[in-house]
Amino acid sequence: MLVWVVYDIVDTKKRNRISQICKSYGLYRVQKSVFLGTLNRNELDEISIKFLDIIDENVDSVYVFPMCDEDFKKVKLLGQAFDRSLVTDEIISKFF
């Protein structure tokens, strides 16, 4: 399933650890704190547990949005949807 991971984390080391986990699961960075990719149900559960082990739930936020293909096709990208320094045309064509 397609998954968006969006986070707002105060501590830089923790933020970097979250991004490394996203990358290790094959997610693509589309903005500084936004990743997109495909995970199966077990990976979705694993990644959520790993995030919980890292973040401070009193000050940090991580959103993990699973999305079916039908709903993903309804996504509207407005303005500068991607950080062009992070996203290649290959990633854009893969998902959009």
PDB file of N, CA and C in Angstrom:
ATOM      1  N   MET A   1       0.834  -1.173   0.000  1.00  0.00           N
ATOM      2  CA  MET A   1       0.000   0.000   0.000  1.00  0.00           C
ATOM      3  C   MET A   1       0.883   1.242   0.000  1.00  0.00           C
ATOM      4  N   LEU A   2       0.358   2.306  -0.581  1.00  0.00           N
ATOM      5  CA  LEU A   2       1.083   3.571  -0.559  1.00  0.00           C
ATOM      6  C   LEU A   2       0.990   4.183   0.833  1.00  0.00           C
ATOM      7  N   VAL A   3       2.076   4.774   1.272  1.00  0.00           N
ATOM      8  CA  VAL A   3       2.133   5.354   2.607  1.00  0.00           C
ATOM      9  C   VAL A   3       2.832   6.709   2.542  1.00  0.00           C
ATOM     10  N   TRP A   4       2.210   7.666   3.186  1.00  0.00           N
ATOM     11  CA  TRP A   4       2.849   8.962   3.403  1.00  0.00           C
ATOM     12  C   TRP A   4       3.349   8.998   4.841  1.00  0.00           C
ATOM     13  N   VAL A   5       4.541   9.482   5.065  1.00  0.00           N
ATOM     14  CA  VAL A   5       5.053   9.732   6.410  1.00  0.00           C
ATOM     15  C   VAL A   5       5.387  11.217   6.487  1.00  0.00           C
ATOM     16  N   VAL A   6       4.759  11.881   7.430  1.00  0.00           N
ATOM     17  CA  VAL A   6       4.937  13.319   7.620  1.00  0.00           C
ATOM     18  C   VAL A   6       5.306  13.543   9.077  1.00  0.00           C
ATOM     19  N   TYR A   7       6.356  14.320   9.329  1.00  0.00           N
ATOM     20  CA  TYR A   7       6.744  14.488  10.725  1.00  0.00           C
ATOM     21  C   TYR A   7       7.205  15.909  11.033  1.00  0.00           C
ATOM     22  N   ASP A   8       7.070  16.230  12.301  1.00  0.00           N
ATOM     23  CA  ASP A   8       7.563  17.488  12.855  1.00  0.00           C
ATOM     24  C   ASP A   8       8.252  17.110  14.162  1.00  0.00           C
ATOM     25  N   ILE A   9       9.560  17.085  14.135  1.00  0.00           N
ATOM     26  CA  ILE A   9      10.348  16.600  15.263  1.00  0.00           C
ATOM     27  C   ILE A   9      11.341  17.675  15.667  1.00  0.00           C
ATOM     28  N   VAL A  10      11.369  17.986  16.943  1.00  0.00           N
ATOM     29  CA  VAL A  10      12.171  19.092  17.454  1.00  0.00           C
ATOM     30  C   VAL A  10      13.664  18.802  17.366  1.00  0.00           C
ATOM     31  N   ASP A  11      14.085  17.638  17.808  1.00  0.00           N
ATOM     32  CA  ASP A  11      15.501  17.304  17.917  1.00  0.00           C
ATOM     33  C   ASP A  11      16.069  16.837  16.575  1.00  0.00           C
ATOM     34  N   THR A  12      17.168  17.429  16.154  1.00  0.00           N
ATOM     35  CA  THR A  12      17.757  17.109  14.851  1.00  0.00           C
ATOM     36  C   THR A  12      18.207  15.649  14.768  1.00  0.00           C
ATOM     37  N   LYS A  13      18.819  15.125  15.818  1.00  0.00           N
ATOM     38  CA  LYS A  13      19.267  13.726  15.778  1.00  0.00           C
ATOM     39  C   LYS A  13      18.083  12.779  15.617  1.00  0.00           C
ATOM     40  N   LYS A  14      17.016  13.045  16.338  1.00  0.00           N
ATOM     41  CA  LYS A  14      15.821  12.204  16.224  1.00  0.00           C
ATOM     42  C   LYS A  14      15.208  12.341  14.834  1.00  0.00           C
ATOM     43  N   ARG A  15      15.174  13.570  14.330  1.00  0.00           N
ATOM     44  CA  ARG A  15      14.635  13.816  12.986  1.00  0.00           C
ATOM     45  C   ARG A  15      15.439  13.044  11.938  1.00  0.00           C
ATOM     46  N   ASN A  16      16.762  13.061  12.088  1.00  0.00           N
ATOM     47  CA  ASN A  16      17.619  12.331  11.151  1.00  0.00           C
ATOM     48  C   ASN A  16      17.401  10.822  11.258  1.00  0.00           C
ATOM     49  N   ARG A  17      17.185  10.336  12.472  1.00  0.00           N
ATOM     50  CA  ARG A  17      16.934   8.895  12.649  1.00  0.00           C
ATOM     51  C   ARG A  17      15.624   8.485  11.977  1.00  0.00           C
ATOM     52  N   ILE A  18      14.606   9.333  12.095  1.00  0.00           N
ATOM     53  CA  ILE A  18      13.327   9.038  11.432  1.00  0.00           C
ATOM     54  C   ILE A  18      13.518   8.998   9.919  1.00  0.00           C
ATOM     55  N   SER A  19      14.246   9.954   9.380  1.00  0.00           N
ATOM     56  CA  SER A  19      14.445   9.965   7.926  1.00  0.00           C
ATOM     57  C   SER A  19      15.262   8.750   7.483  1.00  0.00           C
ATOM     58  N   GLN A  20      16.241   8.322   8.286  1.00  0.00           N
ATOM     59  CA  GLN A  20      17.022   7.137   7.937  1.00  0.00           C
ATOM     60  C   GLN A  20      16.148   5.887   7.937  1.00  0.00           C
ATOM     61  N   ILE A  21      15.247   5.787   8.889  1.00  0.00           N
ATOM     62  CA  ILE A  21      14.324   4.647   8.917  1.00  0.00           C
ATOM     63  C   ILE A  21      13.450   4.658   7.670  1.00  0.00           C
ATOM     64  N   CYS A  22      12.915   5.824   7.322  1.00  0.00           N
ATOM     65  CA  CYS A  22      12.083   5.914   6.112  1.00  0.00           C
ATOM     66  C   CYS A  22      12.875   5.438   4.889  1.00  0.00           C
ATOM     67  N   LYS A  23      14.094   5.917   4.770  1.00  0.00           N
ATOM     68  CA  LYS A  23      14.924   5.513   3.626  1.00  0.00           C
ATOM     69  C   LYS A  23      15.209   4.019   3.657  1.00  0.00           C
ATOM     70  N   SER A  24      15.439   3.470   4.856  1.00  0.00           N
ATOM     71  CA  SER A  24      15.763   2.040   4.956  1.00  0.00           C
ATOM     72  C   SER A  24      14.578   1.160   4.535  1.00  0.00           C
ATOM     73  N   TYR A  25      13.383   1.712   4.594  1.00  0.00           N
ATOM     74  CA  TYR A  25      12.192   0.979   4.148  1.00  0.00           C
ATOM     75  C   TYR A  25      11.856   1.298   2.692  1.00  0.00           C
ATOM     76  N   GLY A  26      12.731   2.027   2.026  1.00  0.00           N
ATOM     77  CA  GLY A  26      12.533   2.303   0.609  1.00  0.00           C
ATOM     78  C   GLY A  26      11.584   3.442   0.305  1.00  0.00           C
ATOM     79  N   LEU A  27      11.267   4.246   1.326  1.00  0.00           N
ATOM     80  CA  LEU A  27      10.401   5.400   1.080  1.00  0.00           C
ATOM     81  C   LEU A  27      11.214   6.516   0.437  1.00  0.00           C
ATOM     82  N   TYR A  28      10.546   7.329  -0.353  1.00  0.00           N
ATOM     83  CA  TYR A  28      11.188   8.427  -1.071  1.00  0.00           C
ATOM     84  C   TYR A  28      10.870   9.753  -0.398  1.00  0.00           C
ATOM     85  N   ARG A  29      11.899  10.551  -0.222  1.00  0.00           N
ATOM     86  CA  ARG A  29      11.705  11.879   0.363  1.00  0.00           C
ATOM     87  C   ARG A  29      11.145  12.793  -0.708  1.00  0.00           C
ATOM     88  N   VAL A  30      10.004  13.433  -0.424  1.00  0.00           N
ATOM     89  CA  VAL A  30       9.411  14.374  -1.379  1.00  0.00           C
ATOM     90  C   VAL A  30       9.454  15.811  -0.862  1.00  0.00           C
ATOM     91  N   GLN A  31       9.634  15.976   0.426  1.00  0.00           N
ATOM     92  CA  GLN A  31       9.937  17.264   1.033  1.00  0.00           C
ATOM     93  C   GLN A  31      10.823  16.964   2.244  1.00  0.00           C
ATOM     94  N   LYS A  32      11.309  17.982   2.914  1.00  0.00           N
ATOM     95  CA  LYS A  32      12.257  17.741   3.996  1.00  0.00           C
ATOM     96  C   LYS A  32      11.718  16.793   5.057  1.00  0.00           C
ATOM     97  N   SER A  33      10.477  16.893   5.396  1.00  0.00           N
ATOM     98  CA  SER A  33       9.895  16.035   6.431  1.00  0.00           C
ATOM     99  C   SER A  33       8.716  15.238   5.919  1.00  0.00           C
ATOM    100  N   VAL A  34       8.754  14.897   4.647  1.00  0.00           N
ATOM    101  CA  VAL A  34       7.663  14.128   4.027  1.00  0.00           C
ATOM    102  C   VAL A  34       8.261  13.026   3.155  1.00  0.00           C
ATOM    103  N   PHE A  35       7.828  11.801   3.418  1.00  0.00           N
ATOM    104  CA  PHE A  35       8.260  10.651   2.632  1.00  0.00           C
ATOM    105  C   PHE A  35       7.036   9.969   2.039  1.00  0.00           C
ATOM    106  N   LEU A  36       7.252   9.299   0.910  1.00  0.00           N
ATOM    107  CA  LEU A  36       6.199   8.583   0.209  1.00  0.00           C
ATOM    108  C   LEU A  36       6.774   7.284  -0.324  1.00  0.00           C
ATOM    109  N   GLY A  37       5.989   6.232  -0.240  1.00  0.00           N
ATOM    110  CA  GLY A  37       6.450   4.964  -0.795  1.00  0.00           C
ATOM    111  C   GLY A  37       5.453   3.860  -0.540  1.00  0.00           C
ATOM    112  N   THR A  38       5.903   2.653  -0.775  1.00  0.00           N
ATOM    113  CA  THR A  38       5.055   1.484  -0.647  1.00  0.00           C
ATOM    114  C   THR A  38       5.550   0.610   0.502  1.00  0.00           C
ATOM    115  N   LEU A  39       4.631   0.235   1.388  1.00  0.00           N
ATOM    116  CA  LEU A  39       4.929  -0.676   2.496  1.00  0.00           C
ATOM    117  C   LEU A  39       3.830  -1.724   2.565  1.00  0.00           C
ATOM    118  N   ASN A  40       4.201  -2.913   3.047  1.00  0.00           N
ATOM    119  CA  ASN A  40       3.146  -3.888   3.338  1.00  0.00           C
ATOM    120  C   ASN A  40       2.684  -3.676   4.782  1.00  0.00           C
ATOM    121  N   ARG A  41       1.663  -4.411   5.189  1.00  0.00           N
ATOM    122  CA  ARG A  41       1.067  -4.202   6.519  1.00  0.00           C
ATOM    123  C   ARG A  41       2.091  -4.411   7.648  1.00  0.00           C
ATOM    124  N   ASN A  42       2.921  -5.446   7.534  1.00  0.00           N
ATOM    125  CA  ASN A  42       3.929  -5.694   8.569  1.00  0.00           C
ATOM    126  C   ASN A  42       4.944  -4.560   8.647  1.00  0.00           C
ATOM    127  N   GLU A  43       5.382  -4.090   7.491  1.00  0.00           N
ATOM    128  CA  GLU A  43       6.344  -2.981   7.470  1.00  0.00           C
ATOM    129  C   GLU A  43       5.729  -1.721   8.067  1.00  0.00           C
ATOM    130  N   LEU A  44       4.447  -1.505   7.785  1.00  0.00           N
ATOM    131  CA  LEU A  44       3.767  -0.338   8.344  1.00  0.00           C
ATOM    132  C   LEU A  44       3.762  -0.405   9.872  1.00  0.00           C
ATOM    133  N   ASP A  45       3.472  -1.589  10.415  1.00  0.00           N
ATOM    134  CA  ASP A  45       3.488  -1.765  11.868  1.00  0.00           C
ATOM    135  C   ASP A  45       4.904  -1.600  12.431  1.00  0.00           C
ATOM    136  N   GLU A  46       5.882  -2.189  11.763  1.00  0.00           N
ATOM    137  CA  GLU A  46       7.282  -2.105  12.219  1.00  0.00           C
ATOM    138  C   GLU A  46       7.767  -0.662  12.260  1.00  0.00           C
ATOM    139  N   ILE A  47       7.515   0.053  11.178  1.00  0.00           N
ATOM    140  CA  ILE A  47       8.021   1.417  11.088  1.00  0.00           C
ATOM    141  C   ILE A  47       7.358   2.306  12.155  1.00  0.00           C
ATOM    142  N   SER A  48       6.088   2.056  12.430  1.00  0.00           N
ATOM    143  CA  SER A  48       5.384   2.835  13.453  1.00  0.00           C
ATOM    144  C   SER A  48       5.991   2.576  14.834  1.00  0.00           C
ATOM    145  N   ILE A  49       6.314   1.320  15.125  1.00  0.00           N
ATOM    146  CA  ILE A  49       6.940   0.985  16.410  1.00  0.00           C
ATOM    147  C   ILE A  49       8.311   1.637  16.521  1.00  0.00           C
ATOM    148  N   LYS A  50       9.068   1.606  15.441  1.00  0.00           N
ATOM    149  CA  LYS A  50      10.402   2.238  15.460  1.00  0.00           C
ATOM    150  C   LYS A  50      10.286   3.738  15.695  1.00  0.00           C
ATOM    151  N   PHE A  51       9.302   4.362  15.064  1.00  0.00           N
ATOM    152  CA  PHE A  51       9.112   5.801  15.269  1.00  0.00           C
ATOM    153  C   PHE A  51       8.789   6.096  16.735  1.00  0.00           C
ATOM    154  N   LEU A  52       7.914   5.275  17.313  1.00  0.00           N
ATOM    155  CA  LEU A  52       7.532   5.486  18.716  1.00  0.00           C
ATOM    156  C   LEU A  52       8.721   5.368  19.662  1.00  0.00           C
ATOM    157  N   ASP A  53       9.665   4.487  19.315  1.00  0.00           N
ATOM    158  CA  ASP A  53      10.861   4.314  20.149  1.00  0.00           C
ATOM    159  C   ASP A  53      11.773   5.537  20.107  1.00  0.00           C
ATOM    160  N   ILE A  54      11.639   6.348  19.081  1.00  0.00           N
ATOM    161  CA  ILE A  54      12.550   7.486  18.886  1.00  0.00           C
ATOM    162  C   ILE A  54      11.961   8.807  19.370  1.00  0.00           C
ATOM    163  N   ILE A  55      10.706   9.037  19.058  1.00  0.00           N
ATOM    164  CA  ILE A  55      10.147  10.377  19.279  1.00  0.00           C
ATOM    165  C   ILE A  55       9.818  10.616  20.752  1.00  0.00           C
ATOM    166  N   ASP A  56       9.705  11.881  21.079  1.00  0.00           N
ATOM    167  CA  ASP A  56       9.177  12.314  22.371  1.00  0.00           C
ATOM    168  C   ASP A  56       7.720  12.690  22.109  1.00  0.00           C
ATOM    169  N   GLU A  57       6.805  11.857  22.575  1.00  0.00           N
ATOM    170  CA  GLU A  57       5.391  12.063  22.274  1.00  0.00           C
ATOM    171  C   GLU A  57       4.831  13.360  22.846  1.00  0.00           C
ATOM    172  N   ASN A  58       5.578  14.015  23.734  1.00  0.00           N
ATOM    173  CA  ASN A  58       5.123  15.292  24.303  1.00  0.00           C
ATOM    174  C   ASN A  58       5.416  16.477  23.394  1.00  0.00           C
ATOM    175  N   VAL A  59       6.378  16.334  22.487  1.00  0.00           N
ATOM    176  CA  VAL A  59       6.748  17.476  21.647  1.00  0.00           C
ATOM    177  C   VAL A  59       6.824  17.158  20.153  1.00  0.00           C
ATOM    178  N   ASP A  60       6.903  15.886  19.804  1.00  0.00           N
ATOM    179  CA  ASP A  60       7.080  15.498  18.399  1.00  0.00           C
ATOM    180  C   ASP A  60       5.785  14.949  17.805  1.00  0.00           C
ATOM    181  N   SER A  61       5.717  15.013  16.469  1.00  0.00           N
ATOM    182  CA  SER A  61       4.563  14.453  15.756  1.00  0.00           C
ATOM    183  C   SER A  61       5.046  13.659  14.548  1.00  0.00           C
ATOM    184  N   VAL A  62       4.468  12.494  14.366  1.00  0.00           N
ATOM    185  CA  VAL A  62       4.696  11.699  13.157  1.00  0.00           C
ATOM    186  C   VAL A  62       3.340  11.207  12.684  1.00  0.00           C
ATOM    187  N   TYR A  63       3.034  11.500  11.437  1.00  0.00           N
ATOM    188  CA  TYR A  63       1.803  11.000  10.825  1.00  0.00           C
ATOM    189  C   TYR A  63       2.191   9.937   9.811  1.00  0.00           C
ATOM    190  N   VAL A  64       1.535   8.796   9.896  1.00  0.00           N
ATOM    191  CA  VAL A  64       1.723   7.725   8.926  1.00  0.00           C
ATOM    192  C   VAL A  64       0.363   7.496   8.282  1.00  0.00           C
ATOM    193  N   PHE A  65       0.256   7.878   7.021  1.00  0.00           N
ATOM    194  CA  PHE A  65      -1.014   7.795   6.309  1.00  0.00           C
ATOM    195  C   PHE A  65      -0.971   6.680   5.264  1.00  0.00           C
ATOM    196  N   PRO A  66      -1.582   5.532   5.529  1.00  0.00           N
ATOM    197  CA  PRO A  66      -1.725   4.547   4.462  1.00  0.00           C
ATOM    198  C   PRO A  66      -2.804   5.027   3.499  1.00  0.00           C
ATOM    199  N   MET A  67      -2.629   4.717   2.231  1.00  0.00           N
ATOM    200  CA  MET A  67      -3.562   5.222   1.234  1.00  0.00           C
ATOM    201  C   MET A  67      -3.743   4.190   0.137  1.00  0.00           C
ATOM    202  N   CYS A  68      -4.968   3.890  -0.189  1.00  0.00           N
ATOM    203  CA  CYS A  68      -5.224   2.944  -1.276  1.00  0.00           C
ATOM    204  C   CYS A  68      -5.005   3.647  -2.620  1.00  0.00           C
ATOM    205  N   ASP A  69      -4.789   2.855  -3.655  1.00  0.00           N
ATOM    206  CA  ASP A  69      -4.514   3.418  -4.980  1.00  0.00           C
ATOM    207  C   ASP A  69      -5.635   4.334  -5.454  1.00  0.00           C
ATOM    208  N   GLU A  70      -6.865   3.924  -5.172  1.00  0.00           N
ATOM    209  CA  GLU A  70      -8.017   4.725  -5.618  1.00  0.00           C
ATOM    210  C   GLU A  70      -7.982   6.122  -4.998  1.00  0.00           C
ATOM    211  N   ASP A  71      -7.720   6.181  -3.686  1.00  0.00           N
ATOM    212  CA  ASP A  71      -7.645   7.488  -3.023  1.00  0.00           C
ATOM    213  C   ASP A  71      -6.408   8.270  -3.459  1.00  0.00           C
ATOM    214  N   PHE A  72      -5.305   7.544  -3.707  1.00  0.00           N
ATOM    215  CA  PHE A  72      -4.082   8.232  -4.133  1.00  0.00           C
ATOM    216  C   PHE A  72      -4.303   8.963  -5.459  1.00  0.00           C
ATOM    217  N   LYS A  73      -5.113   8.381  -6.343  1.00  0.00           N
ATOM    218  CA  LYS A  73      -5.386   9.012  -7.638  1.00  0.00           C
ATOM    219  C   LYS A  73      -6.162  10.315  -7.476  1.00  0.00           C
ATOM    220  N   LYS A  74      -6.765  10.513  -6.313  1.00  0.00           N
ATOM    221  CA  LYS A  74      -7.521  11.731  -6.050  1.00  0.00           C
ATOM    222  C   LYS A  74      -6.674  12.831  -5.413  1.00  0.00           C
ATOM    223  N   VAL A  75      -5.406  12.522  -5.130  1.00  0.00           N
ATOM    224  CA  VAL A  75      -4.528  13.504  -4.499  1.00  0.00           C
ATOM    225  C   VAL A  75      -4.356  14.702  -5.418  1.00  0.00           C
ATOM    226  N   LYS A  76      -4.439  15.877  -4.859  1.00  0.00           N
ATOM    227  CA  LYS A  76      -4.226  17.107  -5.606  1.00  0.00           C
ATOM    228  C   LYS A  76      -2.930  17.739  -5.121  1.00  0.00           C
ATOM    229  N   LEU A  77      -2.064  18.037  -6.034  1.00  0.00           N
ATOM    230  CA  LEU A  77      -0.806  18.690  -5.707  1.00  0.00           C
ATOM    231  C   LEU A  77      -0.936  20.156  -6.074  1.00  0.00           C
ATOM    232  N   LEU A  78      -0.776  21.007  -5.130  1.00  0.00           N
ATOM    233  CA  LEU A  78      -0.948  22.440  -5.342  1.00  0.00           C
ATOM    234  C   LEU A  78       0.374  23.154  -5.082  1.00  0.00           C
ATOM    235  N   GLY A  79       0.634  24.161  -5.826  1.00  0.00           N
ATOM    236  CA  GLY A  79       1.848  24.938  -5.625  1.00  0.00           C
ATOM    237  C   GLY A  79       3.088  24.094  -5.855  1.00  0.00           C
ATOM    238  N   GLN A  80       4.097  24.306  -5.069  1.00  0.00           N
ATOM    239  CA  GLN A  80       5.351  23.552  -5.159  1.00  0.00           C
ATOM    240  C   GLN A  80       5.184  22.260  -4.355  1.00  0.00           C
ATOM    241  N   ALA A  81       4.595  21.281  -4.975  1.00  0.00           N
ATOM    242  CA  ALA A  81       4.257  20.049  -4.273  1.00  0.00           C
ATOM    243  C   ALA A  81       5.481  19.285  -3.793  1.00  0.00           C
ATOM    244  N   PHE A  82       6.577  19.410  -4.511  1.00  0.00           N
ATOM    245  CA  PHE A  82       7.782  18.682  -4.158  1.00  0.00           C
ATOM    246  C   PHE A  82       8.940  19.647  -3.953  1.00  0.00           C
ATOM    247  N   ASP A  83       9.851  19.240  -3.122  1.00  0.00           N
ATOM    248  CA  ASP A  83      11.106  19.968  -3.002  1.00  0.00           C
ATOM    249  C   ASP A  83      11.987  19.495  -4.148  1.00  0.00           C
ATOM    250  N   ARG A  84      12.143  20.321  -5.150  1.00  0.00           N
ATOM    251  CA  ARG A  84      12.843  19.924  -6.379  1.00  0.00           C
ATOM    252  C   ARG A  84      14.297  19.516  -6.126  1.00  0.00           C
ATOM    253  N   SER A  85      14.875  19.943  -5.016  1.00  0.00           N
ATOM    254  CA  SER A  85      16.249  19.521  -4.720  1.00  0.00           C
ATOM    255  C   SER A  85      16.291  18.088  -4.186  1.00  0.00           C
ATOM    256  N   LEU A  86      15.136  17.554  -3.781  1.00  0.00           N
ATOM    257  CA  LEU A  86      15.082  16.215  -3.191  1.00  0.00           C
ATOM    258  C   LEU A  86      14.450  15.184  -4.111  1.00  0.00           C
ATOM    259  N   VAL A  87      13.618  15.640  -5.050  1.00  0.00           N
ATOM    260  CA  VAL A  87      12.812  14.705  -5.831  1.00  0.00           C
ATOM    261  C   VAL A  87      13.272  14.688  -7.281  1.00  0.00           C
ATOM    262  N   THR A  88      13.518  13.499  -7.782  1.00  0.00           N
ATOM    263  CA  THR A  88      13.895  13.361  -9.185  1.00  0.00           C
ATOM    264  C   THR A  88      12.641  13.163 -10.028  1.00  0.00           C
ATOM    265  N   ASP A  89      12.786  13.364 -11.317  1.00  0.00           N
ATOM    266  CA  ASP A  89      11.669  13.127 -12.225  1.00  0.00           C
ATOM    267  C   ASP A  89      11.229  11.664 -12.169  1.00  0.00           C
ATOM    268  N   GLU A  90      12.183  10.760 -11.899  1.00  0.00           N
ATOM    269  CA  GLU A  90      11.863   9.335 -11.802  1.00  0.00           C
ATOM    270  C   GLU A  90      10.845   9.088 -10.688  1.00  0.00           C
ATOM    271  N   ILE A  91      11.033   9.729  -9.553  1.00  0.00           N
ATOM    272  CA  ILE A  91      10.110   9.538  -8.429  1.00  0.00           C
ATOM    273  C   ILE A  91       8.749  10.131  -8.759  1.00  0.00           C
ATOM    274  N   ILE A  92       8.733  11.309  -9.366  1.00  0.00           N
ATOM    275  CA  ILE A  92       7.457  11.937  -9.730  1.00  0.00           C
ATOM    276  C   ILE A  92       6.700  11.059 -10.717  1.00  0.00           C
ATOM    277  N   SER A  93       7.409  10.540 -11.715  1.00  0.00           N
ATOM    278  CA  SER A  93       6.721   9.703 -12.702  1.00  0.00           C
ATOM    279  C   SER A  93       6.277   8.368 -12.105  1.00  0.00           C
ATOM    280  N   LYS A  94       6.985   7.889 -11.077  1.00  0.00           N
ATOM    281  CA  LYS A  94       6.621   6.624 -10.445  1.00  0.00           C
ATOM    282  C   LYS A  94       5.295   6.732  -9.695  1.00  0.00           C
ATOM    283  N   PHE A  95       5.066   7.879  -9.091  1.00  0.00           N
ATOM    284  CA  PHE A  95       3.886   8.011  -8.246  1.00  0.00           C
ATOM    285  C   PHE A  95       2.779   8.876  -8.857  1.00  0.00           C
ATOM    286  N   PHE A  96       3.137   9.780  -9.762  1.00  0.00           N
ATOM    287  CA  PHE A  96       2.110  10.716 -10.258  1.00  0.00           C
ATOM    288  C   PHE A  96       2.005  10.708 -11.761  1.00  0.00           C
TER     289      PHE A  96
END
